Amino acid sequence: MSTIREIAKMIDHSILSPLYTDEDLIKECAIAKQYDVASVCVKPYAVKLAVEQLKGSDVLVGCVIGFPAGNSAITVKAFETEQACKDGAVEIDMVINIGKALQEDWIYLEEEIKSVVDTAHKYNSITKVIFETDYITKDQHKIKLCEICSKAGAEFVKTSTGFGFVKGADGKFSYTGATAHDLALMRKYSAPNVRVKASGGVRTLSDLLKFKEIGISRCGATATAAMLEEAKKLFGASV
């Protein structure tokens, strides 16, 4: 059976809303610290403040790169990674160039992912590569990306940003995020040392535990407090 600490250390507390102010960031860092989660995932400008807020805790600071659309040039993503690491980020969550994946330009993506991974490694930071599976829908594309990430030395493959809304035939926008199918596929086709992160739509403890059975190591969440309060009731323990 899982323990409260094991569950907490699977959570990357997401602080990525474009509406969040510094005051919101401080509040969310306090939640992450209270529940002793694995990390916070913040916007590039916010890394220094997050590091300051989490000083003395076991909560790591992660930073998104090329977020949320993945359209920055390779050199820009590498520079953004370097700046984030200099500011104190020890985990890097990069968004791939989605269009390049859809057109199967694997050479470009190999260079892009390797560039970010190598830059992060210079600072002893790890990299999580975001596929945005609401847009990258073909299994063969996800499999190829898992292979590229494994070869490049990325530490994680990750499903989504949480912002990949798709317009349907009815004109309405919808969002799926992490699914059991995609997570199982990513676990199967990534190298054994590459971990899997479920992100996007993971809102309940039930979601987290279901995905844990598939073999994920982390999940991105905004409903951290609710999930861990539910875990306390389920396991009869305190955080």
C-alpha atoms as a PDB file:
ATOM      1  CA  MET A   1       0.000   0.000   0.000  1.00  0.00           C
ATOM      2  CA  SER A   2       1.154   3.524  -0.763  1.00  0.00           C
ATOM      3  CA  THR A   3       2.115   5.877   2.043  1.00  0.00           C
ATOM      4  CA  ILE A   4       1.238   9.547   2.246  1.00  0.00           C
ATOM      5  CA  ARG A   5       4.865  10.488   1.659  1.00  0.00           C
ATOM      6  CA  GLU A   6       5.134   8.260  -1.406  1.00  0.00           C
ATOM      7  CA  ILE A   7       2.084   9.892  -2.918  1.00  0.00           C
ATOM      8  CA  ALA A   8       3.217  13.418  -2.045  1.00  0.00           C
ATOM      9  CA  LYS A   9       6.607  12.754  -3.624  1.00  0.00           C
ATOM     10  CA  MET A  10       4.879  11.787  -6.876  1.00  0.00           C
ATOM     11  CA  ILE A  11       3.336  15.257  -7.231  1.00  0.00           C
ATOM     12  CA  ASP A  12       4.762  18.224  -9.102  1.00  0.00           C
ATOM     13  CA  HIS A  13       2.601  21.097  -7.892  1.00  0.00           C
ATOM     14  CA  SER A  14       1.763  23.164 -10.959  1.00  0.00           C
ATOM     15  CA  ILE A  15       1.881  26.969 -10.579  1.00  0.00           C
ATOM     16  CA  LEU A  16       1.496  27.913 -14.238  1.00  0.00           C
ATOM     17  CA  SER A  17      -1.715  29.881 -14.655  1.00  0.00           C
ATOM     18  CA  PRO A  18      -1.029  33.056 -16.640  1.00  0.00           C
ATOM     19  CA  LEU A  19      -3.259  34.851 -14.142  1.00  0.00           C
ATOM     20  CA  TYR A  20      -1.101  34.060 -11.120  1.00  0.00           C
ATOM     21  CA  THR A  21       0.587  36.991  -9.421  1.00  0.00           C
ATOM     22  CA  ASP A  22       3.667  36.796  -7.187  1.00  0.00           C
ATOM     23  CA  GLU A  23       1.290  36.665  -4.227  1.00  0.00           C
ATOM     24  CA  ASP A  24      -0.372  33.603  -5.754  1.00  0.00           C
ATOM     25  CA  LEU A  25       3.021  32.010  -6.325  1.00  0.00           C
ATOM     26  CA  ILE A  26       3.960  32.504  -2.681  1.00  0.00           C
ATOM     27  CA  LYS A  27       0.659  30.981  -1.568  1.00  0.00           C
ATOM     28  CA  GLU A  28       1.061  27.955  -3.852  1.00  0.00           C
ATOM     29  CA  CYS A  29       4.661  27.410  -2.744  1.00  0.00           C
ATOM     30  CA  ALA A  30       3.402  27.351   0.825  1.00  0.00           C
ATOM     31  CA  ILE A  31       0.958  24.584  -0.123  1.00  0.00           C
ATOM     32  CA  ALA A  32       3.753  22.621  -1.796  1.00  0.00           C
ATOM     33  CA  LYS A  33       5.905  23.042   1.302  1.00  0.00           C
ATOM     34  CA  GLN A  34       3.091  22.098   3.679  1.00  0.00           C
ATOM     35  CA  TYR A  35       2.404  18.838   1.854  1.00  0.00           C
ATOM     36  CA  ASP A  36       6.086  18.152   1.086  1.00  0.00           C
ATOM     37  CA  VAL A  37       5.503  17.345  -2.578  1.00  0.00           C
ATOM     38  CA  ALA A  38       8.240  16.431  -5.048  1.00  0.00           C
ATOM     39  CA  SER A  39       8.466  19.827  -6.715  1.00  0.00           C
ATOM     40  CA  VAL A  40       6.767  22.961  -7.889  1.00  0.00           C
ATOM     41  CA  CYS A  41       6.597  23.669 -11.608  1.00  0.00           C
ATOM     42  CA  VAL A  42       6.754  27.405 -12.286  1.00  0.00           C
ATOM     43  CA  LYS A  43       7.113  29.933 -15.088  1.00  0.00           C
ATOM     44  CA  PRO A  44      10.651  31.066 -15.963  1.00  0.00           C
ATOM     45  CA  TYR A  45      10.465  34.496 -14.345  1.00  0.00           C
ATOM     46  CA  ALA A  46       9.264  32.934 -11.091  1.00  0.00           C
ATOM     47  CA  VAL A  47      12.147  30.516 -10.468  1.00  0.00           C
ATOM     48  CA  LYS A  48      14.139  32.790  -8.149  1.00  0.00           C
ATOM     49  CA  LEU A  49      11.111  33.617  -6.013  1.00  0.00           C
ATOM     50  CA  ALA A  50      10.093  29.953  -5.801  1.00  0.00           C
ATOM     51  CA  VAL A  51      13.615  28.969  -4.729  1.00  0.00           C
ATOM     52  CA  GLU A  52      13.491  31.630  -2.032  1.00  0.00           C
ATOM     53  CA  GLN A  53      10.080  30.475  -0.798  1.00  0.00           C
ATOM     54  CA  LEU A  54      11.084  26.807  -0.653  1.00  0.00           C
ATOM     55  CA  LYS A  55      14.496  27.278   0.937  1.00  0.00           C
ATOM     56  CA  GLY A  56      15.070  24.759   3.707  1.00  0.00           C
ATOM     57  CA  SER A  57      12.456  22.317   2.406  1.00  0.00           C
ATOM     58  CA  ASP A  58      12.736  19.110   0.373  1.00  0.00           C
ATOM     59  CA  VAL A  59      10.529  20.539  -2.391  1.00  0.00           C
ATOM     60  CA  LEU A  60      12.435  21.017  -5.636  1.00  0.00           C
ATOM     61  CA  VAL A  61      11.920  23.830  -8.123  1.00  0.00           C
ATOM     62  CA  GLY A  62      11.117  23.005 -11.731  1.00  0.00           C
ATOM     63  CA  CYS A  63      10.636  25.374 -14.647  1.00  0.00           C
ATOM     64  CA  VAL A  64       8.779  25.137 -17.947  1.00  0.00           C
ATOM     65  CA  ILE A  65      10.610  25.848 -21.211  1.00  0.00           C
ATOM     66  CA  GLY A  66       9.012  26.862 -24.514  1.00  0.00           C
ATOM     67  CA  PHE A  67       5.702  26.861 -22.661  1.00  0.00           C
ATOM     68  CA  PRO A  68       2.961  26.190 -23.573  1.00  0.00           C
ATOM     69  CA  ALA A  69       3.106  25.948 -27.380  1.00  0.00           C
ATOM     70  CA  GLY A  70       6.699  24.785 -27.885  1.00  0.00           C
ATOM     71  CA  ASN A  71       7.373  27.222 -30.704  1.00  0.00           C
ATOM     72  CA  SER A  72      10.642  28.788 -29.558  1.00  0.00           C
ATOM     73  CA  ALA A  73      13.798  28.217 -31.601  1.00  0.00           C
ATOM     74  CA  ILE A  74      16.227  25.563 -30.386  1.00  0.00           C
ATOM     75  CA  THR A  75      18.788  28.146 -29.305  1.00  0.00           C
ATOM     76  CA  VAL A  76      16.111  30.036 -27.382  1.00  0.00           C
ATOM     77  CA  LYS A  77      14.981  26.899 -25.549  1.00  0.00           C
ATOM     78  CA  ALA A  78      18.591  26.137 -24.643  1.00  0.00           C
ATOM     79  CA  PHE A  79      19.123  29.708 -23.414  1.00  0.00           C
ATOM     80  CA  GLU A  80      15.878  29.636 -21.433  1.00  0.00           C
ATOM     81  CA  THR A  81      16.989  26.354 -19.866  1.00  0.00           C
ATOM     82  CA  GLU A  82      20.363  27.777 -18.909  1.00  0.00           C
ATOM     83  CA  GLN A  83      18.794  30.855 -17.347  1.00  0.00           C
ATOM     84  CA  ALA A  84      16.302  28.752 -15.393  1.00  0.00           C
ATOM     85  CA  CYS A  85      19.107  26.563 -14.066  1.00  0.00           C
ATOM     86  CA  LYS A  86      21.205  29.591 -13.103  1.00  0.00           C
ATOM     87  CA  ASP A  87      18.174  30.939 -11.244  1.00  0.00           C
ATOM     88  CA  GLY A  88      17.935  27.712  -9.256  1.00  0.00           C
ATOM     89  CA  ALA A  89      15.691  25.308 -11.192  1.00  0.00           C
ATOM     90  CA  VAL A  90      16.789  21.690 -10.886  1.00  0.00           C
ATOM     91  CA  GLU A  91      14.035  20.249 -13.071  1.00  0.00           C
ATOM     92  CA  ILE A  92      13.240  21.399 -16.602  1.00  0.00           C
ATOM     93  CA  ASP A  93       9.878  20.673 -18.267  1.00  0.00           C
ATOM     94  CA  MET A  94      10.289  21.446 -21.982  1.00  0.00           C
ATOM     95  CA  VAL A  95       7.582  21.495 -24.640  1.00  0.00           C
ATOM     96  CA  ILE A  96       8.617  19.975 -27.962  1.00  0.00           C
ATOM     97  CA  ASN A  97       8.041  21.680 -31.295  1.00  0.00           C
ATOM     98  CA  ILE A  98       4.643  20.135 -31.932  1.00  0.00           C
ATOM     99  CA  GLY A  99       4.466  20.962 -35.631  1.00  0.00           C
ATOM    100  CA  LYS A 100       7.824  19.294 -36.231  1.00  0.00           C
ATOM    101  CA  ALA A 101       6.510  16.095 -34.640  1.00  0.00           C
ATOM    102  CA  LEU A 102       3.369  16.181 -36.763  1.00  0.00           C
ATOM    103  CA  GLN A 103       5.468  16.511 -39.926  1.00  0.00           C
ATOM    104  CA  GLU A 104       7.827  13.798 -38.655  1.00  0.00           C
ATOM    105  CA  ASP A 105      10.929  15.966 -38.668  1.00  0.00           C
ATOM    106  CA  TRP A 106      12.719  13.703 -36.226  1.00  0.00           C
ATOM    107  CA  ILE A 107      16.170  15.112 -36.960  1.00  0.00           C
ATOM    108  CA  TYR A 108      15.008  18.548 -35.769  1.00  0.00           C
ATOM    109  CA  LEU A 109      13.459  17.081 -32.635  1.00  0.00           C
ATOM    110  CA  GLU A 110      16.551  15.030 -31.848  1.00  0.00           C
ATOM    111  CA  GLU A 111      18.604  18.225 -31.945  1.00  0.00           C
ATOM    112  CA  GLU A 112      16.057  20.212 -29.956  1.00  0.00           C
ATOM    113  CA  ILE A 113      15.607  17.699 -27.150  1.00  0.00           C
ATOM    114  CA  LYS A 114      19.336  16.913 -26.946  1.00  0.00           C
ATOM    115  CA  SER A 115      20.126  20.639 -26.766  1.00  0.00           C
ATOM    116  CA  VAL A 116      17.848  21.180 -23.763  1.00  0.00           C
ATOM    117  CA  VAL A 117      18.911  17.952 -22.046  1.00  0.00           C
ATOM    118  CA  ASP A 118      22.616  18.718 -22.474  1.00  0.00           C
ATOM    119  CA  THR A 119      22.158  22.272 -21.193  1.00  0.00           C
ATOM    120  CA  ALA A 120      20.261  21.037 -18.135  1.00  0.00           C
ATOM    121  CA  HIS A 121      22.903  18.409 -17.448  1.00  0.00           C
ATOM    122  CA  LYS A 122      25.581  21.101 -17.367  1.00  0.00           C
ATOM    123  CA  TYR A 123      23.857  22.330 -14.206  1.00  0.00           C
ATOM    124  CA  ASN A 124      23.010  18.875 -12.819  1.00  0.00           C
ATOM    125  CA  SER A 125      19.352  19.423 -13.616  1.00  0.00           C
ATOM    126  CA  ILE A 126      16.957  16.891 -15.101  1.00  0.00           C
ATOM    127  CA  THR A 127      14.677  17.223 -18.122  1.00  0.00           C
ATOM    128  CA  LYS A 128      11.064  16.210 -18.650  1.00  0.00           C
ATOM    129  CA  VAL A 129       9.953  16.286 -22.279  1.00  0.00           C
ATOM    130  CA  ILE A 130       6.322  17.281 -22.879  1.00  0.00           C
ATOM    131  CA  PHE A 131       4.690  15.674 -25.944  1.00  0.00           C
ATOM    132  CA  GLU A 132       1.286  17.458 -25.714  1.00  0.00           C
ATOM    133  CA  THR A 133      -0.690  14.304 -26.435  1.00  0.00           C
ATOM    134  CA  ASP A 134      -3.909  16.146 -27.272  1.00  0.00           C
ATOM    135  CA  TYR A 135      -2.076  17.289 -30.419  1.00  0.00           C
ATOM    136  CA  ILE A 136       0.338  14.375 -30.923  1.00  0.00           C
ATOM    137  CA  THR A 137      -2.388  11.765 -31.275  1.00  0.00           C
ATOM    138  CA  LYS A 138      -0.774   9.029 -33.401  1.00  0.00           C
ATOM    139  CA  ASP A 139       0.788   6.214 -31.415  1.00  0.00           C
ATOM    140  CA  GLN A 140       3.683   5.903 -33.844  1.00  0.00           C
ATOM    141  CA  HIS A 141       4.604   9.536 -33.229  1.00  0.00           C
ATOM    142  CA  LYS A 142       4.551   9.071 -29.454  1.00  0.00           C
ATOM    143  CA  ILE A 143       6.655   5.929 -29.767  1.00  0.00           C
ATOM    144  CA  LYS A 144       9.224   7.756 -31.894  1.00  0.00           C
ATOM    145  CA  LEU A 145       9.383  10.588 -29.375  1.00  0.00           C
ATOM    146  CA  CYS A 146       9.959   8.096 -26.552  1.00  0.00           C
ATOM    147  CA  GLU A 147      12.856   6.643 -28.522  1.00  0.00           C
ATOM    148  CA  ILE A 148      14.351  10.092 -29.181  1.00  0.00           C
ATOM    149  CA  CYS A 149      14.031  11.102 -25.519  1.00  0.00           C
ATOM    150  CA  SER A 150      15.667   7.857 -24.409  1.00  0.00           C
ATOM    151  CA  LYS A 151      18.574   8.378 -26.798  1.00  0.00           C
ATOM    152  CA  ALA A 152      18.975  12.038 -25.807  1.00  0.00           C
ATOM    153  CA  GLY A 153      19.295  11.221 -22.102  1.00  0.00           C
ATOM    154  CA  ALA A 154      16.056  12.845 -20.910  1.00  0.00           C
ATOM    155  CA  GLU A 155      15.009  11.742 -17.455  1.00  0.00           C
ATOM    156  CA  PHE A 156      11.253  11.897 -18.094  1.00  0.00           C
ATOM    157  CA  VAL A 157       8.674  11.786 -20.847  1.00  0.00           C
ATOM    158  CA  LYS A 158       5.531  13.731 -20.032  1.00  0.00           C
ATOM    159  CA  THR A 159       2.056  13.801 -21.545  1.00  0.00           C
ATOM    160  CA  SER A 160       0.799  17.352 -21.545  1.00  0.00           C
ATOM    161  CA  THR A 161       1.057  21.012 -20.602  1.00  0.00           C
ATOM    162  CA  GLY A 162      -2.477  21.344 -19.289  1.00  0.00           C
ATOM    163  CA  PHE A 163      -3.137  24.003 -21.934  1.00  0.00           C
ATOM    164  CA  GLY A 164      -3.565  21.909 -25.107  1.00  0.00           C
ATOM    165  CA  PHE A 165      -7.188  22.610 -25.903  1.00  0.00           C
ATOM    166  CA  VAL A 166      -8.498  21.158 -29.176  1.00  0.00           C
ATOM    167  CA  LYS A 167     -11.375  22.587 -31.210  1.00  0.00           C
ATOM    168  CA  GLY A 168     -13.881  19.922 -32.185  1.00  0.00           C
ATOM    169  CA  ALA A 169     -16.196  19.678 -35.180  1.00  0.00           C
ATOM    170  CA  ASP A 170     -18.908  21.349 -33.091  1.00  0.00           C
ATOM    171  CA  GLY A 171     -16.688  24.381 -32.609  1.00  0.00           C
ATOM    172  CA  LYS A 172     -16.222  23.709 -28.904  1.00  0.00           C
ATOM    173  CA  PHE A 173     -12.837  23.373 -27.246  1.00  0.00           C
ATOM    174  CA  SER A 174     -12.039  20.296 -25.193  1.00  0.00           C
ATOM    175  CA  TYR A 175      -9.071  18.907 -23.335  1.00  0.00           C
ATOM    176  CA  THR A 176      -8.155  15.333 -22.492  1.00  0.00           C
ATOM    177  CA  GLY A 177      -4.658  15.404 -21.006  1.00  0.00           C
ATOM    178  CA  ALA A 178      -3.122  12.259 -19.554  1.00  0.00           C
ATOM    179  CA  THR A 179      -4.787   8.951 -20.431  1.00  0.00           C
ATOM    180  CA  ALA A 180      -4.061   5.395 -19.337  1.00  0.00           C
ATOM    181  CA  HIS A 181      -3.440   4.418 -22.951  1.00  0.00           C
ATOM    182  CA  ASP A 182      -0.806   7.080 -23.538  1.00  0.00           C
ATOM    183  CA  LEU A 183       0.931   6.483 -20.226  1.00  0.00           C
ATOM    184  CA  ALA A 184       1.141   2.733 -20.813  1.00  0.00           C
ATOM    185  CA  LEU A 185       2.500   3.380 -24.305  1.00  0.00           C
ATOM    186  CA  MET A 186       5.093   5.845 -23.042  1.00  0.00           C
ATOM    187  CA  ARG A 187       6.171   3.475 -20.277  1.00  0.00           C
ATOM    188  CA  LYS A 188       6.528   0.591 -22.726  1.00  0.00           C
ATOM    189  CA  TYR A 189       8.555   2.414 -25.370  1.00  0.00           C
ATOM    190  CA  SER A 190      10.814   4.543 -23.170  1.00  0.00           C
ATOM    191  CA  ALA A 191      14.115   3.195 -21.895  1.00  0.00           C
ATOM    192  CA  PRO A 192      13.887   1.626 -18.407  1.00  0.00           C
ATOM    193  CA  ASN A 193      15.792   4.555 -16.859  1.00  0.00           C
ATOM    194  CA  VAL A 194      13.382   7.117 -18.365  1.00  0.00           C
ATOM    195  CA  ARG A 195      10.492   7.874 -16.056  1.00  0.00           C
ATOM    196  CA  VAL A 196       6.952   8.854 -17.055  1.00  0.00           C
ATOM    197  CA  LYS A 197       5.028  11.887 -15.849  1.00  0.00           C
ATOM    198  CA  ALA A 198       1.252  12.152 -16.149  1.00  0.00           C
ATOM    199  CA  SER A 199       0.159  15.735 -16.615  1.00  0.00           C
ATOM    200  CA  GLY A 200      -3.082  17.346 -17.643  1.00  0.00           C
ATOM    201  CA  GLY A 201      -6.418  16.381 -16.129  1.00  0.00           C
ATOM    202  CA  VAL A 202      -4.992  14.587 -13.072  1.00  0.00           C
ATOM    203  CA  ARG A 203      -7.361  16.053 -10.506  1.00  0.00           C
ATOM    204  CA  THR A 204      -8.140  13.280  -8.017  1.00  0.00           C
ATOM    205  CA  LEU A 205      -6.312  10.789  -5.846  1.00  0.00           C
ATOM    206  CA  SER A 206      -8.062   8.058  -7.818  1.00  0.00           C
ATOM    207  CA  ASP A 207      -6.470   9.372 -11.031  1.00  0.00           C
ATOM    208  CA  LEU A 208      -3.025   9.386  -9.438  1.00  0.00           C
ATOM    209  CA  LEU A 209      -3.322   5.872  -7.996  1.00  0.00           C
ATOM    210  CA  LYS A 210      -4.676   4.495 -11.272  1.00  0.00           C
ATOM    211  CA  PHE A 211      -1.751   5.966 -13.182  1.00  0.00           C
ATOM    212  CA  LYS A 212       0.699   4.806 -10.510  1.00  0.00           C
ATOM    213  CA  GLU A 213      -0.323   1.230 -11.292  1.00  0.00           C
ATOM    214  CA  ILE A 214       0.640   1.819 -14.920  1.00  0.00           C
ATOM    215  CA  GLY A 215       4.118   2.800 -13.839  1.00  0.00           C
ATOM    216  CA  ILE A 216       4.276   6.597 -13.692  1.00  0.00           C
ATOM    217  CA  SER A 217       6.729   8.231 -11.305  1.00  0.00           C
ATOM    218  CA  ARG A 218       5.303  11.764 -11.195  1.00  0.00           C
ATOM    219  CA  CYS A 219       2.113  13.611 -11.937  1.00  0.00           C
ATOM    220  CA  GLY A 220       1.480  17.292 -12.446  1.00  0.00           C
ATOM    221  CA  ALA A 221      -1.374  18.658 -10.343  1.00  0.00           C
ATOM    222  CA  THR A 222      -3.079  21.840  -9.253  1.00  0.00           C
ATOM    223  CA  ALA A 223      -5.494  20.023  -6.905  1.00  0.00           C
ATOM    224  CA  THR A 224      -2.598  18.966  -4.677  1.00  0.00           C
ATOM    225  CA  ALA A 225      -4.183  19.847  -1.340  1.00  0.00           C
ATOM    226  CA  ALA A 226      -7.464  18.089  -2.140  1.00  0.00           C
ATOM    227  CA  MET A 227      -5.679  14.971  -3.365  1.00  0.00           C
ATOM    228  CA  LEU A 228      -3.466  14.693  -0.296  1.00  0.00           C
ATOM    229  CA  GLU A 229      -6.257  15.462   2.136  1.00  0.00           C
ATOM    230  CA  GLU A 230      -8.162  12.590   0.525  1.00  0.00           C
ATOM    231  CA  ALA A 231      -5.060  10.402   0.901  1.00  0.00           C
ATOM    232  CA  LYS A 232      -4.883  11.268   4.618  1.00  0.00           C
ATOM    233  CA  LYS A 233      -8.441  10.041   5.083  1.00  0.00           C
ATOM    234  CA  LEU A 234      -7.842   6.914   3.018  1.00  0.00           C
ATOM    235  CA  PHE A 235      -4.593   5.899   4.668  1.00  0.00           C
ATOM    236  CA  GLY A 236      -5.330   7.263   8.119  1.00  0.00           C
ATOM    237  CA  ALA A 237      -2.136   9.275   8.355  1.00  0.00           C
ATOM    238  CA  SER A 238      -1.021  12.869   8.383  1.00  0.00           C
ATOM    239  CA  VAL A 239       1.226  14.708   5.988  1.00  0.00           C
END
